[in-house]
Protein backbone atom coordinates (compact mmCIF):
# COMPACT_ATOMS: atom_id res chain seq x y z
CA MET A 1 -174.09 68.06 100.15
CA ASP A 2 -176.18 67.81 103.11
CA ARG A 3 -174.86 66.28 106.70
CA GLU A 4 -176.76 62.65 105.96
CA SER A 5 -174.71 62.29 102.50
CA LYS A 6 -171.15 63.24 104.05
CA ALA A 7 -171.88 61.06 107.00
CA ALA A 8 -172.84 58.53 104.68
CA TRP A 9 -169.67 59.06 102.41
CA ALA A 10 -167.39 58.93 105.63
CA ALA A 11 -168.86 55.55 106.45
CA GLY A 12 -168.30 54.19 103.20
CA GLY A 13 -164.83 55.61 103.11
CA MET A 14 -164.35 53.65 106.50
CA LEU A 15 -165.85 50.64 105.45
CA PHE A 16 -163.90 50.24 102.76
CA ALA A 17 -160.93 50.96 104.35
CA ALA A 18 -161.67 48.18 106.67
CA VAL A 19 -162.52 45.67 104.28
CA SER A 20 -159.22 46.50 102.10
CA MET A 21 -157.13 46.26 104.96
CA ILE A 22 -158.81 43.05 106.06
CA ILE A 23 -157.97 41.55 102.48
CA ILE A 24 -154.60 43.09 102.11
CA GLY A 25 -153.79 41.07 105.60
CA VAL A 26 -155.04 38.00 104.66
CA TRP A 27 -153.37 38.09 101.05
CA GLN A 28 -150.19 38.83 102.80
CA ALA A 29 -150.48 36.13 105.12
CA ILE A 30 -151.25 33.70 102.43
CA GLU A 31 -147.99 34.98 100.63
CA GLY A 32 -146.12 34.78 103.94
CA ILE A 33 -147.30 31.24 104.44
CA PHE A 34 -146.05 30.28 100.76
CA GLY A 35 -143.03 31.80 101.35
CA ILE A 36 -142.08 29.96 104.57
CA ALA A 37 -143.39 26.44 102.88
CA THR A 38 -141.30 26.37 100.17
CA ASP A 39 -138.24 28.24 98.93
CA THR A 40 -138.81 27.48 95.20
CA PHE A 41 -142.20 29.11 94.94
CA TYR A 42 -141.23 32.77 94.33
CA THR A 43 -138.55 33.55 91.67
CA GLN A 44 -134.72 33.62 92.96
CA VAL A 45 -133.69 36.97 92.11
CA GLU A 46 -129.94 37.68 91.59
CA ASP A 47 -127.96 40.62 91.96
CA TYR A 48 -130.72 42.49 93.68
CA VAL A 49 -130.01 45.24 96.22
CA ILE A 50 -132.03 43.46 98.81
CA ASN A 51 -130.71 40.10 99.09
CA VAL A 52 -133.18 37.88 101.69
CA ASP A 53 -134.11 34.15 101.18
CA THR A 54 -137.79 34.16 100.27
CA THR A 55 -138.50 32.22 103.81
CA ALA A 56 -137.46 35.64 105.48
CA TRP A 57 -139.60 37.61 103.07
CA GLY A 58 -142.12 35.10 103.94
CA TRP A 59 -142.45 35.72 107.85
CA VAL A 60 -142.42 39.46 107.17
CA HIS A 61 -145.26 39.13 104.99
CA LEU A 62 -147.15 36.75 107.68
CA ILE A 63 -146.44 39.36 110.33
CA LEU A 64 -147.24 42.12 108.88
CA GLY A 65 -150.60 40.37 107.07
CA VAL A 66 -151.87 39.28 110.37
CA ILE A 67 -151.51 42.49 112.26
CA THR A 68 -152.88 44.33 109.21
CA ALA A 69 -156.01 42.05 109.27
CA LEU A 70 -156.63 42.60 112.89
CA VAL A 71 -156.22 46.45 112.36
CA GLY A 72 -158.78 46.10 109.56
CA PHE A 73 -161.20 44.63 112.25
CA ALA A 74 -160.82 47.22 114.36
CA LEU A 75 -161.28 49.86 111.76
CA PHE A 76 -164.97 48.86 111.90
CA GLY A 77 -165.27 50.46 115.21
CA GLY A 78 -163.49 53.77 113.88
CA ALA A 79 -161.32 53.92 116.60
CA GLY A 80 -159.08 56.84 116.26
CA TRP A 81 -155.71 54.35 117.23
CA ALA A 82 -156.97 51.78 114.70
CA ARG A 83 -156.94 54.61 111.94
CA VAL A 84 -153.47 55.77 112.83
CA LEU A 85 -152.36 52.15 113.18
CA GLY A 86 -153.93 51.47 109.92
CA VAL A 87 -152.51 54.39 108.16
CA THR A 88 -148.90 52.96 109.22
CA LEU A 89 -149.54 49.72 108.50
CA ALA A 90 -150.65 50.29 105.03
CA CYS A 91 -147.56 52.01 104.53
CA LEU A 92 -145.76 49.41 105.77
CA VAL A 93 -146.92 47.12 103.50
CA LEU A 94 -146.36 49.30 100.75
CA ILE A 95 -142.74 49.51 101.40
CA ASN A 96 -142.42 45.82 101.85
CA ASN A 97 -144.23 44.95 98.64
CA PHE A 98 -142.29 47.60 96.70
CA LEU A 99 -138.91 45.87 97.85
CA TYR A 100 -140.58 42.51 96.85
CA LEU A 101 -141.51 43.66 93.29
CA PRO A 102 -138.57 41.58 91.74
CA TYR A 103 -139.84 38.51 93.29
CA TYR A 104 -143.54 38.79 92.46
CA PRO A 105 -144.21 41.80 90.32
CA PHE A 106 -148.00 41.56 89.50
CA TRP A 107 -148.94 40.57 92.92
CA SER A 108 -146.91 43.25 94.74
CA LEU A 109 -148.24 45.86 92.53
CA LEU A 110 -151.27 45.13 93.49
CA ILE A 111 -151.01 44.87 97.01
CA ILE A 112 -149.61 48.41 96.58
CA ALA A 113 -152.34 49.80 94.92
CA LEU A 114 -154.61 48.33 97.59
CA ALA A 115 -152.55 50.05 100.19
CA ILE A 116 -152.62 53.39 98.71
CA PHE A 117 -156.45 53.38 98.46
CA SER A 118 -156.79 52.05 101.90
CA ILE A 119 -154.40 54.82 103.19
CA TRP A 120 -156.62 57.57 101.27
CA ALA A 121 -159.88 56.01 102.51
CA ILE A 122 -158.51 56.11 106.11
CA ALA A 123 -157.35 59.60 105.95
CA VAL A 124 -160.58 61.35 104.15
CA ALA A 125 -163.03 59.15 106.00
CA GLN A 126 -164.62 61.33 109.20
CA THR A 127 -166.02 59.61 112.25
CA PRO A 128 -169.55 60.49 114.00
CA SER A 129 -167.39 62.34 116.54
CA GLU A 130 -165.32 64.92 114.04
CA PRO A 131 -166.74 68.38 113.65
CA GLU A 132 -168.13 68.80 109.82
CA TYR A 133 -165.71 70.64 107.89
CA ARG A 134 -166.96 72.79 104.95
């Protein structure tokens, strides 16, 4: 694989990561708004280890979502701090949605899958300033 095609793959991976982080952030924020607006939107789970009101979960989702979307926009520039913060936030979103599984299982699994793909894409994408590895 020549240098141009490797650079294209790296740019595509970073673009995928940036767009995925924005999508995750927006979806998390929407989920948070629904959780804050009404307590009856999500299923009330009895006898769960993490027993938190859905309004509190809503605030967690909203805050994580807004920050994740902002970092997603910063990833378009390829900044090193945005990559580190992007992986960190994707891990936090992953853990948050794993704990949220009993409340909204399908949606949480979808966000978990997107977070895993985002972590992968951020980790493997090279920026133009990085040396080429063989």
